[in-house]
N, C-alpha and C. Protein backbone atom coordinates (compact mmCIF):
# COMPACT_ATOMS: atom_id res chain seq x y z
N MET A 1 22.32 30.93 41.56
CA MET A 1 22.08 31.30 42.94
C MET A 1 20.80 32.10 43.10
N GLU A 2 20.52 32.98 42.12
CA GLU A 2 19.31 33.78 42.21
C GLU A 2 18.07 32.90 42.19
N ASP A 3 18.11 31.82 41.43
CA ASP A 3 16.97 30.91 41.37
C ASP A 3 16.70 30.29 42.73
N ARG A 4 17.76 29.94 43.46
CA ARG A 4 17.58 29.37 44.79
C ARG A 4 16.97 30.38 45.74
N ASP A 5 17.43 31.64 45.65
CA ASP A 5 16.87 32.68 46.51
C ASP A 5 15.40 32.90 46.20
N ASP A 6 15.04 32.92 44.91
CA ASP A 6 13.64 33.07 44.53
C ASP A 6 12.81 31.90 45.02
N LEU A 7 13.34 30.70 44.91
CA LEU A 7 12.64 29.51 45.36
C LEU A 7 12.46 29.55 46.87
N ARG A 8 13.50 29.95 47.59
CA ARG A 8 13.43 30.04 49.06
C ARG A 8 12.36 31.05 49.47
N THR A 9 12.31 32.19 48.79
CA THR A 9 11.31 33.21 49.09
C THR A 9 9.90 32.67 48.85
N MET A 10 9.71 31.97 47.72
CA MET A 10 8.39 31.39 47.42
C MET A 10 7.99 30.39 48.49
N LEU A 11 8.92 29.56 48.89
CA LEU A 11 8.61 28.55 49.91
C LEU A 11 8.28 29.19 51.25
N GLN A 12 8.94 30.29 51.59
CA GLN A 12 8.63 30.99 52.83
C GLN A 12 7.21 31.55 52.79
N VAL A 13 6.81 32.12 51.65
CA VAL A 13 5.44 32.63 51.50
C VAL A 13 4.44 31.50 51.64
N ILE A 14 4.75 30.38 51.01
CA ILE A 14 3.86 29.23 51.08
C ILE A 14 3.76 28.72 52.52
N ALA A 15 4.90 28.64 53.20
CA ALA A 15 4.93 28.13 54.57
C ALA A 15 4.10 28.99 55.50
N ARG A 16 4.09 30.27 55.26
CA ARG A 16 3.27 31.16 56.10
C ARG A 16 1.79 31.01 55.81
N GLY A 17 1.47 30.41 54.65
CA GLY A 17 0.08 30.15 54.31
C GLY A 17 -0.75 31.41 54.09
N ARG A 18 -0.14 32.45 53.57
CA ARG A 18 -0.86 33.71 53.40
C ARG A 18 -2.01 33.59 52.40
N HIS A 19 -1.78 32.90 51.31
CA HIS A 19 -2.81 32.81 50.28
C HIS A 19 -2.94 31.35 49.85
N ALA A 20 -4.12 30.79 50.09
CA ALA A 20 -4.33 29.37 49.75
C ALA A 20 -4.19 29.14 48.25
N SER A 21 -4.72 30.05 47.44
CA SER A 21 -4.63 29.85 45.99
C SER A 21 -3.19 29.99 45.51
N VAL A 22 -2.45 30.92 46.06
CA VAL A 22 -1.05 31.08 45.71
C VAL A 22 -0.28 29.85 46.14
N GLN A 23 -0.61 29.34 47.34
CA GLN A 23 0.06 28.16 47.86
C GLN A 23 -0.16 26.97 46.91
N PHE A 24 -1.39 26.75 46.49
CA PHE A 24 -1.70 25.66 45.57
C PHE A 24 -0.95 25.84 44.26
N PHE A 25 -0.97 27.07 43.72
CA PHE A 25 -0.31 27.35 42.46
C PHE A 25 1.19 27.06 42.53
N TYR A 26 1.86 27.53 43.58
CA TYR A 26 3.29 27.30 43.70
C TYR A 26 3.61 25.83 43.95
N MET A 27 2.78 25.15 44.71
CA MET A 27 3.01 23.73 44.93
C MET A 27 2.87 22.97 43.60
N PHE A 28 1.88 23.36 42.80
CA PHE A 28 1.70 22.74 41.49
C PHE A 28 2.93 22.99 40.62
N LEU A 29 3.39 24.24 40.56
CA LEU A 29 4.58 24.57 39.76
C LEU A 29 5.80 23.78 40.23
N LEU A 30 5.99 23.72 41.53
CA LEU A 30 7.14 22.99 42.07
C LEU A 30 7.05 21.50 41.76
N SER A 31 5.86 20.94 41.82
CA SER A 31 5.75 19.51 41.54
C SER A 31 6.02 19.23 40.07
N VAL A 32 5.53 20.10 39.17
CA VAL A 32 5.77 19.91 37.74
C VAL A 32 7.25 20.12 37.44
N ALA A 33 7.84 21.17 38.00
CA ALA A 33 9.26 21.44 37.76
C ALA A 33 10.12 20.32 38.33
N GLY A 34 9.73 19.77 39.45
CA GLY A 34 10.50 18.72 40.09
C GLY A 34 10.49 17.42 39.32
N THR A 35 9.45 17.17 38.56
CA THR A 35 9.39 15.91 37.82
C THR A 35 10.33 15.91 36.64
N GLY A 36 10.62 17.07 36.09
CA GLY A 36 11.50 17.16 34.94
C GLY A 36 10.85 16.71 33.64
N PHE A 37 9.55 16.47 33.65
CA PHE A 37 8.86 16.00 32.46
C PHE A 37 8.30 17.12 31.62
N TYR A 38 8.17 18.28 32.16
CA TYR A 38 7.55 19.37 31.43
C TYR A 38 8.59 20.10 30.60
N VAL A 39 8.36 20.17 29.31
CA VAL A 39 9.25 20.91 28.42
C VAL A 39 8.37 21.79 27.56
N ASP A 40 8.57 23.08 27.65
CA ASP A 40 7.80 24.02 26.86
C ASP A 40 8.60 24.38 25.62
N ARG A 41 8.19 23.84 24.46
CA ARG A 41 8.94 24.09 23.24
C ARG A 41 8.85 25.53 22.77
N SER A 42 7.93 26.31 23.34
CA SER A 42 7.86 27.70 22.92
C SER A 42 9.13 28.44 23.35
N PHE A 43 9.86 27.89 24.32
CA PHE A 43 11.10 28.50 24.75
C PHE A 43 12.31 27.94 24.02
N ALA A 44 12.13 26.86 23.22
CA ALA A 44 13.24 26.26 22.48
C ALA A 44 13.61 27.15 21.30
N VAL A 45 14.84 26.98 20.84
CA VAL A 45 15.29 27.74 19.68
C VAL A 45 14.51 27.27 18.46
N ARG A 46 13.94 28.21 17.74
CA ARG A 46 13.19 27.91 16.52
C ARG A 46 14.10 28.14 15.33
N ILE A 47 14.21 27.13 14.48
CA ILE A 47 14.97 27.27 13.24
C ILE A 47 14.05 27.86 12.19
N ASN A 48 14.55 28.80 11.44
CA ASN A 48 13.79 29.38 10.34
C ASN A 48 13.29 28.25 9.44
N GLY A 49 12.03 28.32 9.04
CA GLY A 49 11.41 27.28 8.22
C GLY A 49 12.12 26.99 6.92
N ASP A 50 12.92 27.94 6.42
CA ASP A 50 13.61 27.74 5.15
C ASP A 50 14.91 26.95 5.29
N LEU A 51 15.45 26.88 6.49
CA LEU A 51 16.72 26.18 6.68
C LEU A 51 16.48 24.68 6.77
N ASN A 52 17.12 23.93 5.90
CA ASN A 52 16.98 22.48 5.93
C ASN A 52 18.22 21.78 5.37
N GLU A 53 19.37 22.44 5.51
CA GLU A 53 20.57 21.82 4.96
C GLU A 53 21.75 21.97 5.90
N PHE A 54 22.75 21.12 5.63
CA PHE A 54 23.99 21.16 6.38
C PHE A 54 25.12 20.71 5.46
N ASN A 55 26.11 21.54 5.30
CA ASN A 55 27.36 21.18 4.62
C ASN A 55 27.13 20.59 3.22
N GLY A 56 26.17 21.15 2.49
CA GLY A 56 25.90 20.68 1.14
C GLY A 56 24.88 19.55 1.06
N TYR A 57 24.38 19.08 2.18
CA TYR A 57 23.36 18.03 2.22
C TYR A 57 22.03 18.66 2.59
N THR A 58 21.00 18.36 1.82
CA THR A 58 19.67 18.91 2.05
C THR A 58 18.74 17.82 2.56
N MET A 59 18.09 18.09 3.68
CA MET A 59 17.16 17.13 4.25
C MET A 59 16.06 16.80 3.24
N GLU A 60 15.74 15.54 3.11
CA GLU A 60 14.71 14.99 2.23
C GLU A 60 15.12 14.99 0.75
N ALA A 61 16.38 15.33 0.46
CA ALA A 61 16.86 15.28 -0.92
C ALA A 61 17.07 13.82 -1.33
N PRO A 62 16.96 13.52 -2.62
CA PRO A 62 17.12 12.14 -3.07
C PRO A 62 18.58 11.67 -2.98
N LEU A 63 18.73 10.39 -2.71
CA LEU A 63 20.03 9.75 -2.62
C LEU A 63 20.85 9.96 -3.89
N SER A 64 20.20 10.04 -5.02
CA SER A 64 20.90 10.18 -6.31
C SER A 64 21.75 11.45 -6.38
N LEU A 65 21.48 12.43 -5.53
CA LEU A 65 22.28 13.66 -5.51
C LEU A 65 23.64 13.47 -4.84
N TYR A 66 23.83 12.34 -4.19
CA TYR A 66 25.05 12.11 -3.42
C TYR A 66 25.73 10.80 -3.86
N PRO A 67 26.30 10.78 -5.05
CA PRO A 67 26.86 9.54 -5.60
C PRO A 67 28.10 9.04 -4.84
N ASP A 68 28.76 9.90 -4.07
CA ASP A 68 29.96 9.47 -3.34
C ASP A 68 29.64 8.62 -2.11
N LEU A 69 28.39 8.61 -1.66
CA LEU A 69 28.03 7.85 -0.47
C LEU A 69 28.01 6.36 -0.76
N LYS A 70 28.51 5.58 0.19
CA LYS A 70 28.55 4.12 0.07
C LYS A 70 27.64 3.50 1.14
N GLN A 71 26.82 2.55 0.70
CA GLN A 71 25.86 1.92 1.60
C GLN A 71 26.56 1.03 2.61
N VAL A 72 26.13 1.15 3.89
CA VAL A 72 26.67 0.34 4.97
C VAL A 72 25.68 -0.77 5.33
N LYS A 73 24.39 -0.42 5.42
CA LYS A 73 23.37 -1.43 5.71
C LYS A 73 21.98 -0.89 5.36
N THR A 74 21.02 -1.82 5.24
CA THR A 74 19.64 -1.44 4.97
C THR A 74 18.70 -2.28 5.84
N TRP A 75 17.53 -1.74 6.06
CA TRP A 75 16.46 -2.44 6.77
C TRP A 75 15.15 -1.77 6.42
N SER A 76 14.06 -2.27 6.93
CA SER A 76 12.77 -1.64 6.66
C SER A 76 12.02 -1.45 7.97
N THR A 77 11.03 -0.58 7.92
CA THR A 77 10.16 -0.34 9.08
C THR A 77 8.72 -0.49 8.61
N ASP A 78 7.79 -0.33 9.54
CA ASP A 78 6.38 -0.44 9.18
C ASP A 78 5.95 0.59 8.15
N PHE A 79 6.58 1.76 8.16
CA PHE A 79 6.13 2.85 7.29
C PHE A 79 7.17 3.30 6.27
N VAL A 80 8.34 2.69 6.30
CA VAL A 80 9.38 3.02 5.33
C VAL A 80 9.87 1.72 4.72
N LYS A 81 9.73 1.61 3.41
CA LYS A 81 10.08 0.37 2.71
C LYS A 81 11.57 0.06 2.84
N GLU A 82 12.41 1.10 2.68
CA GLU A 82 13.85 0.88 2.80
C GLU A 82 14.51 2.03 3.55
N VAL A 83 15.19 1.68 4.64
CA VAL A 83 16.02 2.63 5.38
C VAL A 83 17.46 2.22 5.07
N GLY A 84 18.23 3.18 4.60
CA GLY A 84 19.62 2.88 4.24
C GLY A 84 20.58 3.75 5.02
N LEU A 85 21.64 3.12 5.51
CA LEU A 85 22.69 3.83 6.23
C LEU A 85 23.91 3.91 5.32
N TYR A 86 24.44 5.12 5.15
CA TYR A 86 25.53 5.36 4.21
C TYR A 86 26.67 6.11 4.90
N GLU A 87 27.86 5.96 4.34
CA GLU A 87 29.02 6.72 4.77
C GLU A 87 29.71 7.29 3.54
N ASN A 88 30.44 8.36 3.74
CA ASN A 88 31.24 8.95 2.68
C ASN A 88 32.67 8.45 2.86
N PRO A 89 33.23 7.75 1.86
CA PRO A 89 34.58 7.22 2.04
C PRO A 89 35.64 8.30 2.22
N GLN A 90 35.31 9.54 1.86
CA GLN A 90 36.24 10.63 2.11
C GLN A 90 36.20 10.96 3.59
N GLU A 91 37.11 11.82 4.03
CA GLU A 91 37.15 12.21 5.44
C GLU A 91 35.84 12.83 5.89
N PRO A 92 35.44 12.57 7.16
CA PRO A 92 34.27 13.28 7.69
C PRO A 92 34.54 14.79 7.68
N PRO A 93 33.48 15.59 7.64
CA PRO A 93 33.68 17.04 7.57
C PRO A 93 34.34 17.60 8.84
N ILE A 94 34.92 18.77 8.70
CA ILE A 94 35.49 19.51 9.83
C ILE A 94 34.68 20.78 9.97
N ILE A 95 34.20 21.05 11.19
CA ILE A 95 33.40 22.25 11.44
C ILE A 95 34.03 23.03 12.59
N ASN A 96 34.33 24.28 12.34
CA ASN A 96 34.85 25.18 13.38
C ASN A 96 36.02 24.55 14.13
N GLY A 97 36.88 23.85 13.42
CA GLY A 97 38.04 23.21 14.04
C GLY A 97 37.77 21.84 14.64
N THR A 98 36.54 21.38 14.59
CA THR A 98 36.20 20.06 15.13
C THR A 98 36.26 19.02 14.03
N ARG A 99 37.12 18.03 14.21
CA ARG A 99 37.22 16.91 13.27
C ARG A 99 36.35 15.78 13.82
N PHE A 100 35.39 15.35 13.01
CA PHE A 100 34.48 14.28 13.43
C PHE A 100 35.16 12.93 13.27
N THR A 101 34.88 12.02 14.20
CA THR A 101 35.45 10.68 14.13
C THR A 101 34.65 9.77 13.21
N ALA A 102 33.37 10.11 12.97
CA ALA A 102 32.52 9.32 12.07
C ALA A 102 31.39 10.21 11.56
N ALA A 103 30.93 9.88 10.36
CA ALA A 103 29.78 10.59 9.77
C ALA A 103 28.93 9.55 9.05
N GLN A 104 27.65 9.49 9.40
CA GLN A 104 26.74 8.55 8.74
C GLN A 104 25.51 9.31 8.27
N TYR A 105 24.99 8.87 7.12
CA TYR A 105 23.86 9.51 6.47
C TYR A 105 22.77 8.46 6.33
N ARG A 106 21.58 8.75 6.87
CA ARG A 106 20.49 7.78 6.82
C ARG A 106 19.42 8.28 5.86
N PHE A 107 18.99 7.38 4.99
CA PHE A 107 17.98 7.69 3.98
C PHE A 107 16.74 6.84 4.22
N ALA A 108 15.57 7.45 4.07
CA ALA A 108 14.29 6.76 4.17
C ALA A 108 13.66 6.77 2.78
N ASP A 109 13.50 5.59 2.20
CA ASP A 109 13.00 5.48 0.83
C ASP A 109 13.75 6.43 -0.11
N SER A 110 15.08 6.38 0.01
CA SER A 110 16.01 7.14 -0.83
C SER A 110 15.92 8.66 -0.67
N ARG A 111 15.42 9.13 0.47
CA ARG A 111 15.42 10.57 0.78
C ARG A 111 16.18 10.78 2.09
N LEU A 112 17.03 11.80 2.14
CA LEU A 112 17.89 12.03 3.31
C LEU A 112 17.06 12.33 4.55
N GLU A 113 17.16 11.43 5.53
CA GLU A 113 16.41 11.55 6.79
C GLU A 113 17.26 12.17 7.89
N SER A 114 18.54 11.80 7.98
CA SER A 114 19.38 12.36 9.05
C SER A 114 20.87 12.22 8.73
N ILE A 115 21.64 13.06 9.40
CA ILE A 115 23.10 13.01 9.36
C ILE A 115 23.56 12.91 10.80
N ASN A 116 24.37 11.92 11.09
CA ASN A 116 24.88 11.69 12.43
C ASN A 116 26.39 11.85 12.41
N LEU A 117 26.89 12.82 13.17
CA LEU A 117 28.32 13.10 13.23
C LEU A 117 28.80 12.85 14.66
N GLU A 118 29.90 12.11 14.81
CA GLU A 118 30.42 11.79 16.13
C GLU A 118 31.72 12.53 16.37
N PHE A 119 31.94 12.94 17.64
CA PHE A 119 33.15 13.68 17.99
C PHE A 119 33.58 13.31 19.40
N GLU A 120 34.77 13.76 19.76
CA GLU A 120 35.31 13.53 21.10
C GLU A 120 35.71 14.86 21.72
N GLY A 121 35.52 14.99 23.04
CA GLY A 121 36.04 16.12 23.79
C GLY A 121 35.06 17.26 24.03
N ARG A 122 35.12 17.78 25.24
CA ARG A 122 34.26 18.90 25.64
C ARG A 122 34.57 20.16 24.84
N GLU A 123 35.84 20.40 24.54
CA GLU A 123 36.19 21.60 23.78
C GLU A 123 35.57 21.55 22.38
N ASN A 124 35.49 20.37 21.79
CA ASN A 124 34.83 20.23 20.49
C ASN A 124 33.33 20.49 20.61
N ARG A 125 32.73 20.00 21.69
CA ARG A 125 31.31 20.26 21.93
C ARG A 125 31.06 21.77 22.00
N ASP A 126 31.92 22.48 22.72
CA ASP A 126 31.75 23.92 22.87
C ASP A 126 31.95 24.66 21.55
N ARG A 127 32.91 24.22 20.74
CA ARG A 127 33.12 24.83 19.42
C ARG A 127 31.92 24.60 18.51
N LEU A 128 31.37 23.37 18.55
CA LEU A 128 30.20 23.06 17.74
C LEU A 128 28.99 23.88 18.19
N LEU A 129 28.81 24.01 19.49
CA LEU A 129 27.70 24.81 20.02
C LEU A 129 27.79 26.24 19.49
N LYS A 130 28.97 26.80 19.52
CA LYS A 130 29.17 28.17 19.03
C LYS A 130 28.83 28.26 17.54
N TRP A 131 29.30 27.29 16.76
CA TRP A 131 29.05 27.29 15.32
C TRP A 131 27.55 27.15 15.03
N ILE A 132 26.88 26.24 15.72
CA ILE A 132 25.45 26.03 15.49
C ILE A 132 24.67 27.30 15.84
N GLU A 133 25.02 27.94 16.94
CA GLU A 133 24.33 29.18 17.32
C GLU A 133 24.53 30.27 16.27
N GLN A 134 25.70 30.34 15.67
CA GLN A 134 25.96 31.33 14.63
C GLN A 134 25.12 31.08 13.38
N HIS A 135 24.87 29.80 13.06
CA HIS A 135 24.19 29.46 11.82
C HIS A 135 22.69 29.18 11.97
N TYR A 136 22.25 28.74 13.15
CA TYR A 136 20.86 28.30 13.29
C TYR A 136 20.09 28.99 14.41
N GLY A 137 20.75 29.75 15.26
CA GLY A 137 20.03 30.49 16.30
C GLY A 137 20.62 30.29 17.68
N LYS A 138 20.55 31.35 18.48
CA LYS A 138 21.11 31.35 19.84
C LYS A 138 20.21 30.60 20.81
N LEU A 139 20.85 29.88 21.72
CA LEU A 139 20.14 29.22 22.81
C LEU A 139 19.78 30.25 23.87
N LEU A 140 18.78 29.92 24.67
CA LEU A 140 18.47 30.73 25.84
C LEU A 140 19.55 30.49 26.89
N PRO A 141 19.78 31.45 27.80
CA PRO A 141 20.84 31.26 28.81
C PRO A 141 20.68 29.97 29.61
N ILE A 142 19.46 29.61 29.96
CA ILE A 142 19.27 28.38 30.74
C ILE A 142 19.61 27.14 29.91
N GLU A 143 19.37 27.18 28.61
CA GLU A 143 19.70 26.06 27.74
C GLU A 143 21.21 25.91 27.58
N ARG A 144 21.93 27.03 27.62
CA ARG A 144 23.39 26.98 27.47
C ARG A 144 24.03 26.21 28.61
N LYS A 145 23.37 26.15 29.76
CA LYS A 145 23.91 25.44 30.91
C LYS A 145 23.77 23.92 30.76
N MET A 146 22.92 23.50 29.84
CA MET A 146 22.71 22.06 29.64
C MET A 146 23.90 21.49 28.88
N ILE A 147 24.48 20.44 29.41
CA ILE A 147 25.65 19.84 28.79
C ILE A 147 25.25 18.61 27.98
N ASN A 148 24.37 17.77 28.52
CA ASN A 148 24.06 16.48 27.89
C ASN A 148 23.44 16.62 26.51
N GLN A 149 22.45 17.50 26.34
CA GLN A 149 21.84 17.66 25.02
C GLN A 149 21.13 19.00 24.91
N VAL A 150 21.33 19.63 23.77
CA VAL A 150 20.58 20.84 23.42
C VAL A 150 20.03 20.64 22.02
N GLU A 151 18.89 21.31 21.74
CA GLU A 151 18.21 21.08 20.47
C GLU A 151 17.72 22.38 19.86
N TRP A 152 17.64 22.36 18.53
CA TRP A 152 17.05 23.43 17.74
C TRP A 152 15.96 22.77 16.91
N HIS A 153 14.77 23.39 16.84
CA HIS A 153 13.63 22.78 16.14
C HIS A 153 13.10 23.71 15.05
N GLY A 154 12.85 23.12 13.89
CA GLY A 154 12.21 23.82 12.79
C GLY A 154 11.24 22.88 12.12
N ASP A 155 10.50 23.40 11.16
CA ASP A 155 9.53 22.57 10.45
C ASP A 155 10.22 21.55 9.56
N ARG A 156 11.37 21.91 9.02
CA ARG A 156 12.05 21.03 8.06
C ARG A 156 13.40 20.50 8.55
N LEU A 157 13.82 20.96 9.74
CA LEU A 157 15.12 20.57 10.27
C LEU A 157 15.12 20.61 11.79
N THR A 158 15.65 19.56 12.40
CA THR A 158 15.90 19.53 13.84
C THR A 158 17.38 19.24 14.02
N ILE A 159 18.01 19.94 14.96
CA ILE A 159 19.42 19.73 15.25
C ILE A 159 19.53 19.34 16.72
N ALA A 160 20.29 18.29 16.99
CA ALA A 160 20.53 17.87 18.37
C ALA A 160 22.03 17.72 18.58
N LEU A 161 22.54 18.39 19.61
CA LEU A 161 23.94 18.29 19.98
C LEU A 161 23.98 17.62 21.35
N SER A 162 24.53 16.41 21.41
CA SER A 162 24.60 15.70 22.69
C SER A 162 26.05 15.43 23.06
N TYR A 163 26.27 15.32 24.37
CA TYR A 163 27.63 15.10 24.87
C TYR A 163 27.55 14.35 26.20
N ASN A 164 28.39 13.34 26.35
CA ASN A 164 28.47 12.59 27.60
C ASN A 164 29.79 12.95 28.28
N PRO A 165 29.73 13.70 29.39
CA PRO A 165 30.97 14.13 30.06
C PRO A 165 31.80 12.96 30.61
N GLU A 166 31.15 11.85 30.92
CA GLU A 166 31.89 10.70 31.48
C GLU A 166 32.73 9.99 30.42
N THR A 167 32.18 9.83 29.22
CA THR A 167 32.93 9.16 28.15
C THR A 167 33.66 10.16 27.26
N THR A 168 33.32 11.43 27.36
CA THR A 168 33.81 12.54 26.52
C THR A 168 33.45 12.36 25.05
N LEU A 169 32.42 11.58 24.76
CA LEU A 169 31.96 11.37 23.39
C LEU A 169 30.69 12.17 23.14
N GLY A 170 30.55 12.65 21.92
CA GLY A 170 29.36 13.43 21.57
C GLY A 170 28.87 13.13 20.17
N ARG A 171 27.66 13.62 19.90
CA ARG A 171 27.03 13.45 18.59
C ARG A 171 26.36 14.75 18.18
N LEU A 172 26.41 15.00 16.90
CA LEU A 172 25.69 16.11 16.31
C LEU A 172 24.77 15.52 15.25
N TRP A 173 23.47 15.71 15.41
CA TRP A 173 22.46 15.17 14.49
C TRP A 173 21.79 16.29 13.74
N PHE A 174 21.62 16.11 12.45
CA PHE A 174 20.77 16.95 11.62
C PHE A 174 19.66 16.03 11.13
N ILE A 175 18.41 16.39 11.39
CA ILE A 175 17.30 15.46 11.20
C ILE A 175 16.15 16.12 10.44
N SER A 176 15.55 15.38 9.52
CA SER A 176 14.28 15.78 8.91
C SER A 176 13.18 15.29 9.85
N PRO A 177 12.43 16.18 10.52
CA PRO A 177 11.41 15.73 11.47
C PRO A 177 10.37 14.81 10.83
N THR A 178 9.97 15.10 9.60
CA THR A 178 8.94 14.29 8.94
C THR A 178 9.42 12.88 8.68
N LEU A 179 10.59 12.73 8.06
CA LEU A 179 11.10 11.40 7.76
C LEU A 179 11.52 10.66 9.02
N HIS A 180 12.07 11.37 9.99
CA HIS A 180 12.49 10.74 11.24
C HIS A 180 11.28 10.11 11.94
N HIS A 181 10.17 10.81 11.91
CA HIS A 181 8.93 10.29 12.50
C HIS A 181 8.52 8.98 11.83
N LEU A 182 8.60 8.95 10.51
CA LEU A 182 8.21 7.73 9.78
C LEU A 182 9.16 6.57 10.06
N VAL A 183 10.45 6.84 10.12
CA VAL A 183 11.43 5.78 10.37
C VAL A 183 11.21 5.16 11.75
N ASN A 184 10.86 5.99 12.73
CA ASN A 184 10.74 5.51 14.11
C ASN A 184 9.33 5.10 14.51
N LYS A 185 8.37 5.36 13.64
CA LYS A 185 6.98 5.01 13.94
C LYS A 185 6.76 3.53 13.61
N ASN A 186 5.92 2.87 14.39
CA ASN A 186 5.58 1.49 14.03
C ASN A 186 4.07 1.30 14.10
N ILE A 187 3.63 0.18 13.62
CA ILE A 187 2.21 -0.08 13.48
C ILE A 187 1.48 -0.02 14.83
N ASN A 188 2.18 -0.28 15.91
CA ASN A 188 1.57 -0.23 17.25
C ASN A 188 1.31 1.20 17.72
N ASP A 189 1.90 2.18 17.06
CA ASP A 189 1.72 3.58 17.42
C ASP A 189 0.51 4.23 16.73
N MET A 190 -0.33 3.46 16.12
CA MET A 190 -1.42 3.98 15.28
C MET A 190 -2.59 4.52 16.12
N THR A 191 -2.29 5.36 17.09
CA THR A 191 -3.34 5.95 17.92
C THR A 191 -3.67 7.37 17.47
N GLU A 192 -3.00 7.83 16.43
CA GLU A 192 -3.21 9.21 15.96
C GLU A 192 -4.50 9.34 15.20
């Protein structure tokens, strides 16, 4: 509610036309904010550069460290010779009381690129959010209001917690930013 009052006050100042430069500045801010395209990562939760693991799995570690994983499928990309999708035949992990319905581990050239965990229910999403904040860093108050997806970013680890309120299904991703970029990059993206 306070945001609406602040916005109303700004618009009243603009409507009175007291300051042309202020008017232009606020109109610019409102247009950028209205598009929803601007995301300032300086406000995102930063993961400590040393953190790069989850539940005994280390991002970019070799596949040979995880002999219990069973291959589900493989493919290749322009920059990764072999991408492999694996599952653990044992039960998916349980975190903070949340039992995952599926767990998949993706490897890029035999190095762990990501872990994808699926769950059901808003209460599980909230429990996972609490657990992630305890282990990887607190969200800003405005980010806590986001239901569909929240993210934590580090140099060696990115975490994404997504949830669809309509289907009540969610995903928790642990990602190596470097390998993820290579898996998703293609030869047509060579503008760097």
